[in-house]
Structure formats: C-alpha cells, structure tokens
Protein backbone atom coordinates (compact mmCIF):
# COMPACT_ATOMS: atom_id res chain seq x y z
CA MET A 1 245.77 124.16 -55.73
CA ASP A 2 246.25 124.16 -51.98
CA GLU A 3 243.63 125.59 -49.65
CA ILE A 4 244.23 129.21 -48.64
CA LYS A 5 243.67 130.17 -45.00
CA TYR A 6 243.53 133.60 -43.43
CA LYS A 7 243.70 134.63 -39.81
CA PRO A 8 241.75 137.69 -38.59
CA ILE A 9 243.82 140.69 -37.52
CA GLY A 10 241.00 142.27 -35.54
CA ILE A 11 237.28 142.68 -35.01
CA ILE A 12 235.01 145.37 -36.50
CA HIS A 13 232.45 146.89 -34.12
CA SER A 14 229.34 148.73 -35.28
CA PRO A 15 225.81 149.51 -34.11
CA PHE A 16 224.46 146.69 -36.31
CA LYS A 17 223.90 143.55 -34.24
CA LYS A 18 222.12 141.57 -36.98
CA THR A 19 222.06 141.63 -40.76
CA GLU A 20 218.51 142.92 -41.06
CA GLY A 21 218.50 146.71 -41.32
CA THR A 22 222.21 147.07 -42.05
CA PRO A 23 223.06 149.39 -44.97
CA ILE A 24 224.12 147.33 -47.97
CA GLN A 25 226.91 149.67 -49.10
CA VAL A 26 228.95 152.47 -47.51
CA LYS A 27 227.01 155.16 -49.40
CA GLY A 28 223.90 154.15 -47.44
CA ALA A 29 225.81 154.30 -44.13
CA LYS A 30 226.69 158.02 -44.08
CA GLY A 31 227.52 159.20 -40.58
CA ILE A 32 227.36 155.77 -38.89
CA GLU A 33 230.32 155.35 -36.57
CA GLY A 34 232.14 152.23 -35.48
CA LYS A 35 235.54 151.08 -34.43
CA ILE A 36 238.08 148.43 -35.16
CA GLU A 37 239.74 146.51 -32.38
CA LEU A 38 243.03 145.50 -33.97
CA PHE A 39 244.67 142.61 -32.17
CA LYS A 40 247.59 144.00 -30.17
CA GLU A 41 250.26 142.02 -32.04
CA TYR A 42 249.41 144.06 -35.19
CA THR A 43 249.52 147.53 -33.59
CA GLU A 44 252.96 148.34 -35.04
CA GLY A 45 251.46 147.95 -38.53
CA LEU A 46 249.31 151.07 -37.92
CA LYS A 47 252.35 153.37 -38.08
CA ASP A 48 251.62 156.28 -40.49
CA LEU A 49 248.05 155.14 -41.24
CA ASN A 50 246.69 158.20 -39.38
CA GLY A 51 247.84 160.32 -42.33
CA PHE A 52 244.97 158.92 -44.45
CA SER A 53 241.37 160.11 -44.28
CA HIS A 54 239.94 156.86 -45.69
CA ILE A 55 240.88 153.21 -45.44
CA ILE A 56 239.85 150.01 -47.20
CA LEU A 57 238.67 147.25 -44.88
CA ILE A 58 238.78 143.67 -46.12
CA TYR A 59 236.74 141.31 -43.99
CA HIS A 60 235.08 137.92 -43.72
CA PHE A 61 231.26 137.64 -44.02
CA HIS A 62 231.07 135.46 -40.90
CA LEU A 63 227.26 135.18 -40.79
CA VAL A 64 226.85 133.81 -44.32
CA LYS A 65 225.67 130.23 -44.48
CA GLY A 66 226.30 128.67 -47.86
CA THR A 67 227.42 129.66 -51.32
CA LYS A 68 225.48 130.47 -54.47
CA LEU A 69 226.52 131.12 -58.03
CA MET A 70 223.16 132.78 -58.82
CA ALA A 71 221.39 135.10 -56.37
CA LYS A 72 218.92 137.97 -56.18
CA PRO A 73 220.74 141.11 -55.02
CA PHE A 74 219.11 143.54 -52.60
CA MET A 75 218.19 146.14 -55.24
CA ASN A 76 216.73 143.73 -57.80
CA ASN A 77 214.22 140.89 -57.91
CA ARG A 78 216.01 139.07 -60.71
CA GLU A 79 218.81 136.55 -60.23
CA HIS A 80 222.29 137.45 -61.45
CA GLY A 81 225.59 135.59 -61.42
CA ILE A 82 227.37 136.01 -58.08
CA PHE A 83 230.31 137.75 -59.76
CA ALA A 84 227.95 140.39 -61.22
CA ILE A 85 226.60 141.33 -57.77
CA ARG A 86 228.02 142.16 -54.35
CA ALA A 87 226.02 139.65 -52.32
CA PRO A 88 227.92 137.91 -49.51
CA VAL A 89 227.01 134.31 -50.51
CA ARG A 90 230.20 134.02 -52.56
CA PRO A 91 232.57 131.07 -53.02
CA ASN A 92 234.92 133.05 -50.74
CA PRO A 93 232.76 135.24 -48.46
CA ILE A 94 235.05 138.27 -48.48
CA GLY A 95 233.77 141.83 -48.20
CA PHE A 96 235.36 145.22 -48.51
CA SER A 97 234.35 148.72 -47.50
CA VAL A 98 235.97 152.12 -47.86
CA VAL A 99 235.39 153.98 -44.59
CA ARG A 100 236.49 157.29 -43.10
CA LEU A 101 239.28 157.01 -40.53
CA LEU A 102 238.57 159.43 -37.68
CA LYS A 103 241.44 158.63 -35.32
CA ILE A 104 243.68 155.89 -34.01
CA LYS A 105 244.26 155.35 -30.30
CA GLU A 106 246.75 152.56 -29.61
CA ASN A 107 245.19 149.48 -31.31
CA ILE A 108 241.69 150.99 -31.74
CA LEU A 109 240.68 152.67 -35.01
CA TYR A 110 237.65 154.95 -34.92
CA ILE A 111 235.80 154.91 -38.23
CA LYS A 112 232.74 156.44 -39.89
CA ASP A 113 230.32 155.46 -42.69
CA VAL A 114 230.23 151.85 -41.52
CA ASP A 115 228.06 149.26 -43.34
CA ILE A 116 229.43 146.21 -41.49
CA ILE A 117 227.89 143.90 -38.88
CA ASP A 118 229.22 144.11 -35.32
CA GLY A 119 231.74 141.35 -34.61
CA THR A 120 232.90 140.94 -38.20
CA PRO A 121 236.43 139.49 -38.45
CA LEU A 122 238.87 141.91 -40.11
CA LEU A 123 241.35 140.38 -42.56
CA ASP A 124 243.28 143.44 -43.74
CA ILE A 125 243.48 147.24 -43.85
CA LYS A 126 244.80 149.25 -46.79
CA PRO A 127 245.02 153.01 -47.26
CA TYR A 128 242.51 154.42 -49.74
CA VAL A 129 244.29 156.53 -52.35
CA PRO A 130 242.03 158.15 -54.99
CA ASP A 131 244.83 158.33 -57.58
CA PHE A 132 245.21 154.54 -57.26
CA ASP A 133 241.62 153.53 -56.64
CA ILE A 134 239.30 155.75 -58.72
CA ARG A 135 238.74 154.73 -62.32
CA LYS A 136 236.62 156.27 -65.06
CA VAL A 137 233.73 153.87 -65.60
CA GLU A 138 231.74 153.61 -68.82
CA LYS A 139 229.06 151.17 -67.70
CA ILE A 140 227.72 149.53 -64.54
CA GLY A 141 225.66 146.70 -66.00
CA TRP A 142 222.27 145.81 -64.55
CA LEU A 143 222.81 148.34 -61.70
CA ASP A 144 222.50 151.30 -64.07
CA LYS A 145 218.85 151.95 -63.23
CA LYS A 146 219.07 150.65 -59.63
CA VAL A 147 221.78 152.77 -57.98
CA LYS A 148 219.27 155.46 -57.02
CA LYS A 149 217.80 152.96 -54.52
CA LEU A 150 221.09 152.61 -52.64
CA PRO A 151 220.78 155.27 -49.90
CA SER A 152 217.60 153.68 -48.56
CA SER A 153 218.43 150.02 -49.25
CA ARG A 154 218.97 147.80 -46.21
CA ASP A 155 219.84 144.17 -45.64
CA ASN A 156 216.78 141.98 -45.13
CA GLY A 157 218.69 138.98 -43.81
CA ARG A 158 218.28 136.92 -46.96
CA PHE A 159 221.96 135.90 -47.16
CA THR A 160 222.51 134.75 -43.57
CA TYR A 161 220.97 131.35 -44.22
CA ASN A 162 220.70 128.78 -46.99
CA GLU A 163 217.74 129.58 -49.22
C-alpha cells in the first residue's frame, strides 16, 4: 500500500506549552479555552459550522518521538496494547478531541474544554452530532475501574520521548 500523507489545515493554540501537566482527555479540561488558527485558504470550509455547539478536532501528535505497540497508559501502571489505550505513541500519531465551539471570527475558531498542546497541527474538523456519535456501551475494558481518576489525571511527559 502506498504511503498516506496529510497536510495540516491549521494550528491549535492552548495554554499548554509542554506535555507535562496537560489534561489527558477533554473531561479533565473543563473550562480551558483555546483557539484554532485555520489557514486562510480553508476559511470557506467553515460556512455553517457556527450552528454547532461542539466540534471534533483531528490532529497530529507532533511531539511524540517513536512508536510502541505496548505502553503504560496514564491511569494505569500495567502495559496494554496500543489499540486498547489512547496513548499518543501510536503507529499513526493521530489524536481527536470533542471541544465546545464558542465562536468563529474569520479564520479563527474560539474553543473550550481543550486538552491539546499549543502548536499542535490540525488535520480536520467535523461537527459533533450526538445522534451520530453517541453509542450505548456495555463495557470499557481495563478502564472500568480507572475512569474515576480522569478529572485529575495529567500528562507526565512520558510519551514525548523514546522510552
């Protein structure tokens, strides 16, 4: 199969200048504001997006150095397969977050509940639609007894370098 390449459509800005201390999921980032600087050539693509309260951001984990198939996630001291966790040291270091869209002014999107490092390259934006995106879930694997830790869990920098 041929290599797949993506080009950023913008840059995500947040108060987080380094990985350490950054919330590890949106639920732990309540109230944290940021903005997206969409490159001007994509501004037309924002038409009608302001009618949505939440958007899905798809981005590149640009600070990740290396890939692992087994890793210790932030809320557990045991290794799990990379596809059973949300760690950024993936074969394709792609992240996603559902954030609140506050307003759009020209090519700048003002967002809230941001768990993303400042300067992160944005790959895509999609509207969040609960009727499309929410599913009834019966089980959440090894995270079942760990999700209570989420609001206070923060990145400790362990995935920004090769271990």
